[in-house]
Amino acid sequence: GLVERRGFAPRAIEGAPAPADGHWRLCLTVESDRPCEPLRHLMQKNHDCLQVEITACP
């Protein structure tokens, strides 16, 4: 809901713990005409989130 209210339509989500450190790696695929920076800032505000990377889908 929060991502959608910001104008990003979720299309896929995948997650699994990394073998090296046990931290979860999450991949959220969204569709939007909006710039991605507001979404990155929103995700970084999550206290459990250690890092956010934005990449374009092919």
PDB file of N, CA and C in Angstrom:
ATOM      1  N   GLY A   1       0.793  -1.186   0.000  1.00  0.00           N
ATOM      2  CA  GLY A   1       0.000   0.000   0.000  1.00  0.00           C
ATOM      3  C   GLY A   1       0.847   1.266   0.000  1.00  0.00           C
ATOM      4  N   LEU A   2       1.880   1.328   0.835  1.00  0.00           N
ATOM      5  CA  LEU A   2       2.690   2.540   0.941  1.00  0.00           C
ATOM      6  C   LEU A   2       3.405   2.852  -0.370  1.00  0.00           C
ATOM      7  N   VAL A   3       3.935   1.828  -1.009  1.00  0.00           N
ATOM      8  CA  VAL A   3       4.638   2.014  -2.283  1.00  0.00           C
ATOM      9  C   VAL A   3       3.646   2.468  -3.350  1.00  0.00           C
ATOM     10  N   GLU A   4       2.463   1.867  -3.373  1.00  0.00           N
ATOM     11  CA  GLU A   4       1.445   2.236  -4.357  1.00  0.00           C
ATOM     12  C   GLU A   4       0.960   3.664  -4.145  1.00  0.00           C
ATOM     13  N   ARG A   5       0.803   4.071  -2.899  1.00  0.00           N
ATOM     14  CA  ARG A   5       0.353   5.444  -2.626  1.00  0.00           C
ATOM     15  C   ARG A   5       1.368   6.474  -3.090  1.00  0.00           C
ATOM     16  N   ARG A   6       2.620   6.063  -3.227  1.00  0.00           N
ATOM     17  CA  ARG A   6       3.663   6.968  -3.712  1.00  0.00           C
ATOM     18  C   ARG A   6       3.766   6.952  -5.240  1.00  0.00           C
ATOM     19  N   GLY A   7       2.906   6.172  -5.907  1.00  0.00           N
ATOM     20  CA  GLY A   7       2.876   6.170  -7.362  1.00  0.00           C
ATOM     21  C   GLY A   7       3.702   5.080  -8.023  1.00  0.00           C
ATOM     22  N   PHE A   8       4.069   4.043  -7.267  1.00  0.00           N
ATOM     23  CA  PHE A   8       4.852   2.935  -7.812  1.00  0.00           C
ATOM     24  C   PHE A   8       4.002   1.670  -7.745  1.00  0.00           C
ATOM     25  N   ALA A   9       3.828   1.009  -8.889  1.00  0.00           N
ATOM     26  CA  ALA A   9       3.017  -0.207  -8.947  1.00  0.00           C
ATOM     27  C   ALA A   9       3.911  -1.433  -8.780  1.00  0.00           C
ATOM     28  N   PRO A  10       3.796  -2.155  -7.668  1.00  0.00           N
ATOM     29  CA  PRO A  10       4.607  -3.364  -7.480  1.00  0.00           C
ATOM     30  C   PRO A  10       4.263  -4.423  -8.524  1.00  0.00           C
ATOM     31  N   ARG A  11       5.280  -5.040  -9.099  1.00  0.00           N
ATOM     32  CA  ARG A  11       5.091  -6.086 -10.111  1.00  0.00           C
ATOM     33  C   ARG A  11       5.642  -7.431  -9.657  1.00  0.00           C
ATOM     34  N   ALA A  12       6.667  -7.436  -8.810  1.00  0.00           N
ATOM     35  CA  ALA A  12       7.242  -8.689  -8.318  1.00  0.00           C
ATOM     36  C   ALA A  12       8.043  -8.408  -7.055  1.00  0.00           C
ATOM     37  N   ILE A  13       8.159  -9.434  -6.218  1.00  0.00           N
ATOM     38  CA  ILE A  13       8.994  -9.344  -5.029  1.00  0.00           C
ATOM     39  C   ILE A  13       9.643 -10.713  -4.802  1.00  0.00           C
ATOM     40  N   GLU A  14      10.931 -10.696  -4.530  1.00  0.00           N
ATOM     41  CA  GLU A  14      11.688 -11.920  -4.264  1.00  0.00           C
ATOM     42  C   GLU A  14      12.595 -11.656  -3.070  1.00  0.00           C
ATOM     43  N   GLY A  15      12.783 -12.648  -2.243  1.00  0.00           N
ATOM     44  CA  GLY A  15      13.670 -12.478  -1.101  1.00  0.00           C
ATOM     45  C   GLY A  15      14.214 -13.797  -0.604  1.00  0.00           C
ATOM     46  N   ALA A  16      15.411 -13.743  -0.022  1.00  0.00           N
ATOM     47  CA  ALA A  16      16.056 -14.924   0.554  1.00  0.00           C
ATOM     48  C   ALA A  16      17.219 -14.464   1.419  1.00  0.00           C
ATOM     49  N   PRO A  17      17.555 -15.226   2.440  1.00  0.00           N
ATOM     50  CA  PRO A  17      18.725 -14.873   3.246  1.00  0.00           C
ATOM     51  C   PRO A  17      20.012 -15.162   2.479  1.00  0.00           C
ATOM     52  N   ALA A  18      20.972 -14.268   2.606  1.00  0.00           N
ATOM     53  CA  ALA A  18      22.274 -14.467   1.956  1.00  0.00           C
ATOM     54  C   ALA A  18      23.059 -15.507   2.744  1.00  0.00           C
ATOM     55  N   PRO A  19      23.684 -16.469   2.062  1.00  0.00           N
ATOM     56  CA  PRO A  19      24.439 -17.512   2.766  1.00  0.00           C
ATOM     57  C   PRO A  19      25.598 -16.961   3.597  1.00  0.00           C
ATOM     58  N   ALA A  20      26.225 -15.896   3.133  1.00  0.00           N
ATOM     59  CA  ALA A  20      27.424 -15.375   3.800  1.00  0.00           C
ATOM     60  C   ALA A  20      27.131 -14.763   5.170  1.00  0.00           C
ATOM     61  N   ASP A  21      26.046 -13.989   5.270  1.00  0.00           N
ATOM     62  CA  ASP A  21      25.810 -13.265   6.519  1.00  0.00           C
ATOM     63  C   ASP A  21      24.417 -13.467   7.111  1.00  0.00           C
ATOM     64  N   GLY A  22      23.545 -14.152   6.398  1.00  0.00           N
ATOM     65  CA  GLY A  22      22.202 -14.387   6.909  1.00  0.00           C
ATOM     66  C   GLY A  22      21.252 -13.215   6.765  1.00  0.00           C
ATOM     67  N   HIS A  23      21.758 -12.058   6.329  1.00  0.00           N
ATOM     68  CA  HIS A  23      20.878 -10.917   6.090  1.00  0.00           C
ATOM     69  C   HIS A  23      20.000 -11.206   4.879  1.00  0.00           C
ATOM     70  N   TRP A  24      18.764 -10.792   4.960  1.00  0.00           N
ATOM     71  CA  TRP A  24      17.852 -11.003   3.846  1.00  0.00           C
ATOM     72  C   TRP A  24      18.159 -10.041   2.719  1.00  0.00           C
ATOM     73  N   ARG A  25      18.110 -10.550   1.510  1.00  0.00           N
ATOM     74  CA  ARG A  25      18.220  -9.739   0.294  1.00  0.00           C
ATOM     75  C   ARG A  25      16.835  -9.731  -0.336  1.00  0.00           C
ATOM     76  N   LEU A  26      16.327  -8.558  -0.626  1.00  0.00           N
ATOM     77  CA  LEU A  26      14.983  -8.411  -1.160  1.00  0.00           C
ATOM     78  C   LEU A  26      15.043  -7.671  -2.482  1.00  0.00           C
ATOM     79  N   CYS A  27      14.350  -8.184  -3.470  1.00  0.00           N
ATOM     80  CA  CYS A  27      14.258  -7.527  -4.774  1.00  0.00           C
ATOM     81  C   CYS A  27      12.795  -7.165  -5.003  1.00  0.00           C
ATOM     82  N   LEU A  28      12.522  -5.882  -5.113  1.00  0.00           N
ATOM     83  CA  LEU A  28      11.175  -5.382  -5.354  1.00  0.00           C
ATOM     84  C   LEU A  28      11.154  -4.755  -6.739  1.00  0.00           C
ATOM     85  N   THR A  29      10.341  -5.295  -7.628  1.00  0.00           N
ATOM     86  CA  THR A  29      10.206  -4.755  -8.979  1.00  0.00           C
ATOM     87  C   THR A  29       8.944  -3.909  -9.026  1.00  0.00           C
ATOM     88  N   VAL A  30       9.096  -2.651  -9.441  1.00  0.00           N
ATOM     89  CA  VAL A  30       7.959  -1.740  -9.539  1.00  0.00           C
ATOM     90  C   VAL A  30       7.912  -1.127 -10.928  1.00  0.00           C
ATOM     91  N   GLU A  31       6.748  -0.610 -11.269  1.00  0.00           N
ATOM     92  CA  GLU A  31       6.569   0.092 -12.538  1.00  0.00           C
ATOM     93  C   GLU A  31       6.038   1.482 -12.228  1.00  0.00           C
ATOM     94  N   SER A  32       6.647   2.494 -12.861  1.00  0.00           N
ATOM     95  CA  SER A  32       6.215   3.866 -12.624  1.00  0.00           C
ATOM     96  C   SER A  32       6.888   4.802 -13.612  1.00  0.00           C
ATOM     97  N   ASP A  33       6.234   5.917 -13.857  1.00  0.00           N
ATOM     98  CA  ASP A  33       6.835   6.986 -14.656  1.00  0.00           C
ATOM     99  C   ASP A  33       7.554   7.987 -13.755  1.00  0.00           C
ATOM    100  N   ARG A  34       7.426   7.812 -12.457  1.00  0.00           N
ATOM    101  CA  ARG A  34       8.039   8.729 -11.499  1.00  0.00           C
ATOM    102  C   ARG A  34       9.524   8.437 -11.354  1.00  0.00           C
ATOM    103  N   PRO A  35      10.294   9.431 -10.927  1.00  0.00           N
ATOM    104  CA  PRO A  35      11.712   9.186 -10.624  1.00  0.00           C
ATOM    105  C   PRO A  35      11.826   8.202  -9.458  1.00  0.00           C
ATOM    106  N   CYS A  36      12.887   7.428  -9.435  1.00  0.00           N
ATOM    107  CA  CYS A  36      13.038   6.373  -8.424  1.00  0.00           C
ATOM    108  C   CYS A  36      13.582   6.886  -7.090  1.00  0.00           C
ATOM    109  N   GLU A  37      14.152   8.064  -7.044  1.00  0.00           N
ATOM    110  CA  GLU A  37      14.751   8.565  -5.802  1.00  0.00           C
ATOM    111  C   GLU A  37      13.774   8.629  -4.624  1.00  0.00           C
ATOM    112  N   PRO A  38      12.528   9.103  -4.816  1.00  0.00           N
ATOM    113  CA  PRO A  38      11.608   9.107  -3.665  1.00  0.00           C
ATOM    114  C   PRO A  38      11.365   7.704  -3.099  1.00  0.00           C
ATOM    115  N   LEU A  39      11.314   6.703  -3.957  1.00  0.00           N
ATOM    116  CA  LEU A  39      11.130   5.329  -3.486  1.00  0.00           C
ATOM    117  C   LEU A  39      12.369   4.855  -2.724  1.00  0.00           C
ATOM    118  N   ARG A  40      13.533   5.192  -3.217  1.00  0.00           N
ATOM    119  CA  ARG A  40      14.775   4.812  -2.532  1.00  0.00           C
ATOM    120  C   ARG A  40      14.813   5.421  -1.130  1.00  0.00           C
ATOM    121  N   HIS A  41      14.466   6.699  -1.023  1.00  0.00           N
ATOM    122  CA  HIS A  41      14.451   7.366   0.287  1.00  0.00           C
ATOM    123  C   HIS A  41      13.422   6.729   1.223  1.00  0.00           C
ATOM    124  N   LEU A  42      12.274   6.371   0.681  1.00  0.00           N
ATOM    125  CA  LEU A  42      11.240   5.724   1.477  1.00  0.00           C
ATOM    126  C   LEU A  42      11.746   4.395   2.030  1.00  0.00           C
ATOM    127  N   MET A  43      12.398   3.603   1.195  1.00  0.00           N
ATOM    128  CA  MET A  43      12.905   2.302   1.628  1.00  0.00           C
ATOM    129  C   MET A  43      14.035   2.459   2.653  1.00  0.00           C
ATOM    130  N   GLN A  44      14.864   3.483   2.498  1.00  0.00           N
ATOM    131  CA  GLN A  44      15.976   3.702   3.429  1.00  0.00           C
ATOM    132  C   GLN A  44      15.495   4.089   4.824  1.00  0.00           C
ATOM    133  N   LYS A  45      14.303   4.648   4.923  1.00  0.00           N
ATOM    134  CA  LYS A  45      13.768   5.053   6.224  1.00  0.00           C
ATOM    135  C   LYS A  45      13.363   3.854   7.078  1.00  0.00           C
ATOM    136  N   ASN A  46      13.211   2.699   6.461  1.00  0.00           N
ATOM    137  CA  ASN A  46      12.859   1.488   7.201  1.00  0.00           C
ATOM    138  C   ASN A  46      14.030   1.136   8.115  1.00  0.00           C
ATOM    139  N   HIS A  47      13.787   1.014   9.398  1.00  0.00           N
ATOM    140  CA  HIS A  47      14.886   0.793  10.354  1.00  0.00           C
ATOM    141  C   HIS A  47      15.581  -0.554  10.162  1.00  0.00           C
ATOM    142  N   ASP A  48      14.934  -1.502   9.508  1.00  0.00           N
ATOM    143  CA  ASP A  48      15.557  -2.806   9.259  1.00  0.00           C
ATOM    144  C   ASP A  48      16.335  -2.845   7.952  1.00  0.00           C
ATOM    145  N   CYS A  49      16.271  -1.788   7.180  1.00  0.00           N
ATOM    146  CA  CYS A  49      16.913  -1.754   5.863  1.00  0.00           C
ATOM    147  C   CYS A  49      18.344  -1.230   5.999  1.00  0.00           C
ATOM    148  N   LEU A  50      19.304  -2.024   5.540  1.00  0.00           N
ATOM    149  CA  LEU A  50      20.712  -1.640   5.647  1.00  0.00           C
ATOM    150  C   LEU A  50      21.231  -0.949   4.399  1.00  0.00           C
ATOM    151  N   GLN A  51      20.662  -1.258   3.231  1.00  0.00           N
ATOM    152  CA  GLN A  51      21.161  -0.699   1.976  1.00  0.00           C
ATOM    153  C   GLN A  51      20.055  -0.761   0.933  1.00  0.00           C
ATOM    154  N   VAL A  52      19.997   0.257   0.061  1.00  0.00           N
ATOM    155  CA  VAL A  52      19.032   0.284  -1.038  1.00  0.00           C
ATOM    156  C   VAL A  52      19.789   0.564  -2.324  1.00  0.00           C
ATOM    157  N   GLU A  53      19.552  -0.253  -3.333  1.00  0.00           N
ATOM    158  CA  GLU A  53      20.133  -0.042  -4.655  1.00  0.00           C
ATOM    159  C   GLU A  53      19.002   0.044  -5.664  1.00  0.00           C
ATOM    160  N   ILE A  54      19.134   0.958  -6.611  1.00  0.00           N
ATOM    161  CA  ILE A  54      18.150   1.115  -7.677  1.00  0.00           C
ATOM    162  C   ILE A  54      18.809   0.713  -8.991  1.00  0.00           C
ATOM    163  N   THR A  55      18.171  -0.186  -9.723  1.00  0.00           N
ATOM    164  CA  THR A  55      18.654  -0.567 -11.054  1.00  0.00           C
ATOM    165  C   THR A  55      17.468  -0.620 -11.997  1.00  0.00           C
ATOM    166  N   ALA A  56      17.709  -0.263 -13.240  1.00  0.00           N
ATOM    167  CA  ALA A  56      16.657  -0.313 -14.257  1.00  0.00           C
ATOM    168  C   ALA A  56      16.497  -1.741 -14.759  1.00  0.00           C
ATOM    169  N   CYS A  57      15.274  -2.109 -15.026  1.00  0.00           N
ATOM    170  CA  CYS A  57      15.017  -3.432 -15.607  1.00  0.00           C
ATOM    171  C   CYS A  57      15.353  -3.392 -17.096  1.00  0.00           C
ATOM    172  N   PRO A  58      15.822  -4.517 -17.612  1.00  0.00           N
ATOM    173  CA  PRO A  58      16.145  -4.552 -19.053  1.00  0.00           C
ATOM    174  C   PRO A  58      14.909  -4.470 -19.914  1.00  0.00           C
TER     175      PRO A  58
END
